[in-house]
N, C-alpha and C. Protein backbone atom coordinates (compact mmCIF):
# COMPACT_ATOMS: atom_id res chain seq x y z
N MET A 1 1.59 -1.15 -1.27
CA MET A 1 1.05 -2.45 -1.63
C MET A 1 0.65 -2.40 -3.11
N ASP A 2 1.18 -3.27 -3.90
CA ASP A 2 0.80 -3.34 -5.30
C ASP A 2 -0.57 -4.00 -5.43
N LEU A 3 -1.40 -3.45 -6.29
CA LEU A 3 -2.71 -4.01 -6.58
C LEU A 3 -2.70 -4.54 -8.00
N ASP A 4 -3.65 -5.37 -8.35
CA ASP A 4 -3.73 -5.88 -9.71
C ASP A 4 -3.88 -4.72 -10.69
N GLY A 5 -2.86 -4.49 -11.51
CA GLY A 5 -2.92 -3.47 -12.54
C GLY A 5 -2.57 -2.07 -12.07
N ALA A 6 -2.27 -1.89 -10.79
CA ALA A 6 -1.93 -0.56 -10.27
C ALA A 6 -0.79 -0.69 -9.26
N PRO A 7 0.44 -0.46 -9.70
CA PRO A 7 1.58 -0.56 -8.78
C PRO A 7 1.48 0.49 -7.67
N GLN A 8 2.16 0.24 -6.57
CA GLN A 8 2.17 1.17 -5.45
C GLN A 8 2.64 2.54 -5.92
N GLY A 9 1.94 3.59 -5.49
CA GLY A 9 2.29 4.95 -5.87
C GLY A 9 1.50 5.49 -7.04
N THR A 10 0.73 4.63 -7.72
CA THR A 10 -0.10 5.08 -8.84
C THR A 10 -1.22 5.96 -8.30
N GLU A 11 -1.38 7.15 -8.87
CA GLU A 11 -2.44 8.05 -8.43
C GLU A 11 -3.76 7.63 -9.04
N GLY A 12 -4.84 7.98 -8.35
CA GLY A 12 -6.17 7.64 -8.83
C GLY A 12 -7.20 8.55 -8.22
N LYS A 13 -8.45 8.31 -8.58
CA LYS A 13 -9.55 9.12 -8.09
C LYS A 13 -10.64 8.20 -7.57
N VAL A 14 -11.19 8.55 -6.41
CA VAL A 14 -12.30 7.79 -5.84
C VAL A 14 -13.53 8.06 -6.70
N ILE A 15 -14.11 7.00 -7.27
CA ILE A 15 -15.31 7.17 -8.08
C ILE A 15 -16.55 6.66 -7.36
N LEU A 16 -16.35 5.91 -6.27
CA LEU A 16 -17.47 5.42 -5.47
C LEU A 16 -16.97 5.15 -4.05
N ALA A 17 -17.70 5.66 -3.08
CA ALA A 17 -17.41 5.39 -1.67
C ALA A 17 -18.69 4.87 -1.05
N ASN A 18 -18.61 3.72 -0.38
CA ASN A 18 -19.82 3.18 0.25
C ASN A 18 -19.47 2.37 1.48
N GLY A 19 -20.50 2.05 2.24
CA GLY A 19 -20.34 1.25 3.44
C GLY A 19 -20.70 2.05 4.68
N PHE A 20 -21.10 1.35 5.73
CA PHE A 20 -21.42 1.98 7.01
C PHE A 20 -20.35 1.66 8.04
N ASN A 21 -20.20 0.41 8.37
CA ASN A 21 -19.18 0.01 9.35
C ASN A 21 -17.81 -0.18 8.71
N TRP A 22 -17.78 -0.58 7.46
CA TRP A 22 -16.53 -0.78 6.74
C TRP A 22 -16.58 0.09 5.49
N LEU A 23 -15.90 1.24 5.53
CA LEU A 23 -15.88 2.13 4.37
C LEU A 23 -14.96 1.55 3.32
N ARG A 24 -15.46 1.44 2.11
CA ARG A 24 -14.65 0.92 1.01
C ARG A 24 -14.87 1.79 -0.22
N TYR A 25 -13.90 1.75 -1.11
CA TYR A 25 -13.85 2.67 -2.23
C TYR A 25 -13.59 1.93 -3.53
N ARG A 26 -14.11 2.49 -4.62
CA ARG A 26 -13.75 2.05 -5.97
C ARG A 26 -12.91 3.18 -6.54
N ILE A 27 -11.71 2.83 -7.01
CA ILE A 27 -10.74 3.81 -7.47
C ILE A 27 -10.48 3.62 -8.96
N LEU A 28 -10.46 4.73 -9.70
CA LEU A 28 -10.03 4.73 -11.10
C LEU A 28 -8.63 5.32 -11.12
N PHE A 29 -7.65 4.48 -11.45
CA PHE A 29 -6.26 4.91 -11.46
C PHE A 29 -5.91 5.60 -12.78
N THR A 30 -4.84 6.39 -12.76
CA THR A 30 -4.44 7.17 -13.94
C THR A 30 -4.01 6.28 -15.10
N ASN A 31 -3.66 5.02 -14.82
CA ASN A 31 -3.27 4.12 -15.91
C ASN A 31 -4.48 3.41 -16.53
N GLY A 32 -5.70 3.80 -16.09
CA GLY A 32 -6.92 3.24 -16.67
C GLY A 32 -7.50 2.05 -15.92
N THR A 33 -6.79 1.55 -14.94
CA THR A 33 -7.26 0.42 -14.15
C THR A 33 -8.29 0.89 -13.13
N GLU A 34 -9.34 0.09 -12.95
CA GLU A 34 -10.36 0.38 -11.95
C GLU A 34 -10.39 -0.77 -10.95
N VAL A 35 -10.27 -0.45 -9.67
CA VAL A 35 -10.22 -1.48 -8.63
C VAL A 35 -11.23 -1.12 -7.54
N GLY A 36 -12.00 -2.11 -7.11
CA GLY A 36 -13.01 -1.90 -6.07
C GLY A 36 -12.65 -2.57 -4.76
N ASN A 37 -13.46 -2.33 -3.76
CA ASN A 37 -13.31 -2.90 -2.41
C ASN A 37 -11.97 -2.58 -1.77
N LEU A 38 -11.51 -1.35 -1.95
CA LEU A 38 -10.30 -0.89 -1.27
C LEU A 38 -10.71 -0.09 -0.05
N ASP A 39 -9.95 -0.22 1.03
CA ASP A 39 -10.25 0.58 2.21
C ASP A 39 -9.03 1.42 2.58
N HIS A 40 -9.07 2.03 3.76
CA HIS A 40 -8.02 2.95 4.17
C HIS A 40 -6.63 2.30 4.21
N ARG A 41 -6.56 0.99 4.27
CA ARG A 41 -5.26 0.31 4.28
C ARG A 41 -4.61 0.31 2.91
N HIS A 42 -5.39 0.52 1.85
CA HIS A 42 -4.89 0.42 0.49
C HIS A 42 -4.65 1.77 -0.18
N ILE A 43 -5.26 2.84 0.34
CA ILE A 43 -5.16 4.13 -0.33
C ILE A 43 -4.64 5.20 0.62
N GLU A 44 -4.08 6.25 0.05
CA GLU A 44 -3.53 7.35 0.83
C GLU A 44 -3.96 8.66 0.18
N PRO A 45 -4.47 9.61 0.96
CA PRO A 45 -4.91 10.88 0.39
C PRO A 45 -3.73 11.70 -0.14
N ILE A 46 -4.00 12.49 -1.17
CA ILE A 46 -3.00 13.39 -1.74
C ILE A 46 -3.64 14.77 -1.90
N GLY A 47 -2.84 15.76 -2.18
CA GLY A 47 -3.35 17.10 -2.48
C GLY A 47 -4.07 17.74 -1.31
N ARG A 48 -5.21 18.37 -1.60
CA ARG A 48 -5.97 19.10 -0.59
C ARG A 48 -6.44 18.20 0.55
N SER A 49 -6.82 16.98 0.22
CA SER A 49 -7.28 16.05 1.26
C SER A 49 -6.17 15.75 2.26
N ALA A 50 -4.97 15.53 1.77
CA ALA A 50 -3.84 15.25 2.66
C ALA A 50 -3.54 16.45 3.55
N LYS A 51 -3.60 17.66 2.99
CA LYS A 51 -3.36 18.87 3.77
C LYS A 51 -4.43 19.05 4.84
N ARG A 52 -5.68 18.81 4.49
CA ARG A 52 -6.79 18.94 5.44
C ARG A 52 -6.62 17.96 6.59
N LEU A 53 -6.29 16.72 6.29
CA LEU A 53 -6.11 15.72 7.33
C LEU A 53 -4.92 16.04 8.24
N ALA A 54 -3.85 16.60 7.66
CA ALA A 54 -2.69 16.99 8.46
C ALA A 54 -3.05 18.12 9.42
N ARG A 55 -3.84 19.10 8.95
CA ARG A 55 -4.28 20.19 9.83
C ARG A 55 -5.14 19.66 10.97
N GLN A 56 -6.05 18.74 10.66
CA GLN A 56 -6.91 18.16 11.69
C GLN A 56 -6.10 17.40 12.73
N ALA A 57 -5.11 16.67 12.29
CA ALA A 57 -4.26 15.91 13.21
C ALA A 57 -3.46 16.85 14.10
N LYS A 58 -2.99 17.95 13.53
CA LYS A 58 -2.21 18.92 14.29
C LYS A 58 -3.07 19.57 15.37
N ARG A 59 -4.32 19.90 15.03
CA ARG A 59 -5.23 20.52 16.00
C ARG A 59 -5.60 19.56 17.12
N ALA A 60 -5.65 18.28 16.82
CA ALA A 60 -6.06 17.27 17.80
C ALA A 60 -4.99 17.04 18.88
N ARG A 61 -3.78 17.46 18.64
CA ARG A 61 -2.68 17.24 19.61
C ARG A 61 -2.81 18.12 20.81
């Protein structure tokens, strides 16, 4: 999903995570764009986080 100023596939870093029932994130993308109010539908983990989640999913089977 393309976001304003950040095409799909652009890497970024979570700079703020908040919420209780609805977790949402503010992301600083590598192209300098900062976008807020993103949730799990808009972002995908990469690197160590992706590996950790894959291991957890494998153990849950």
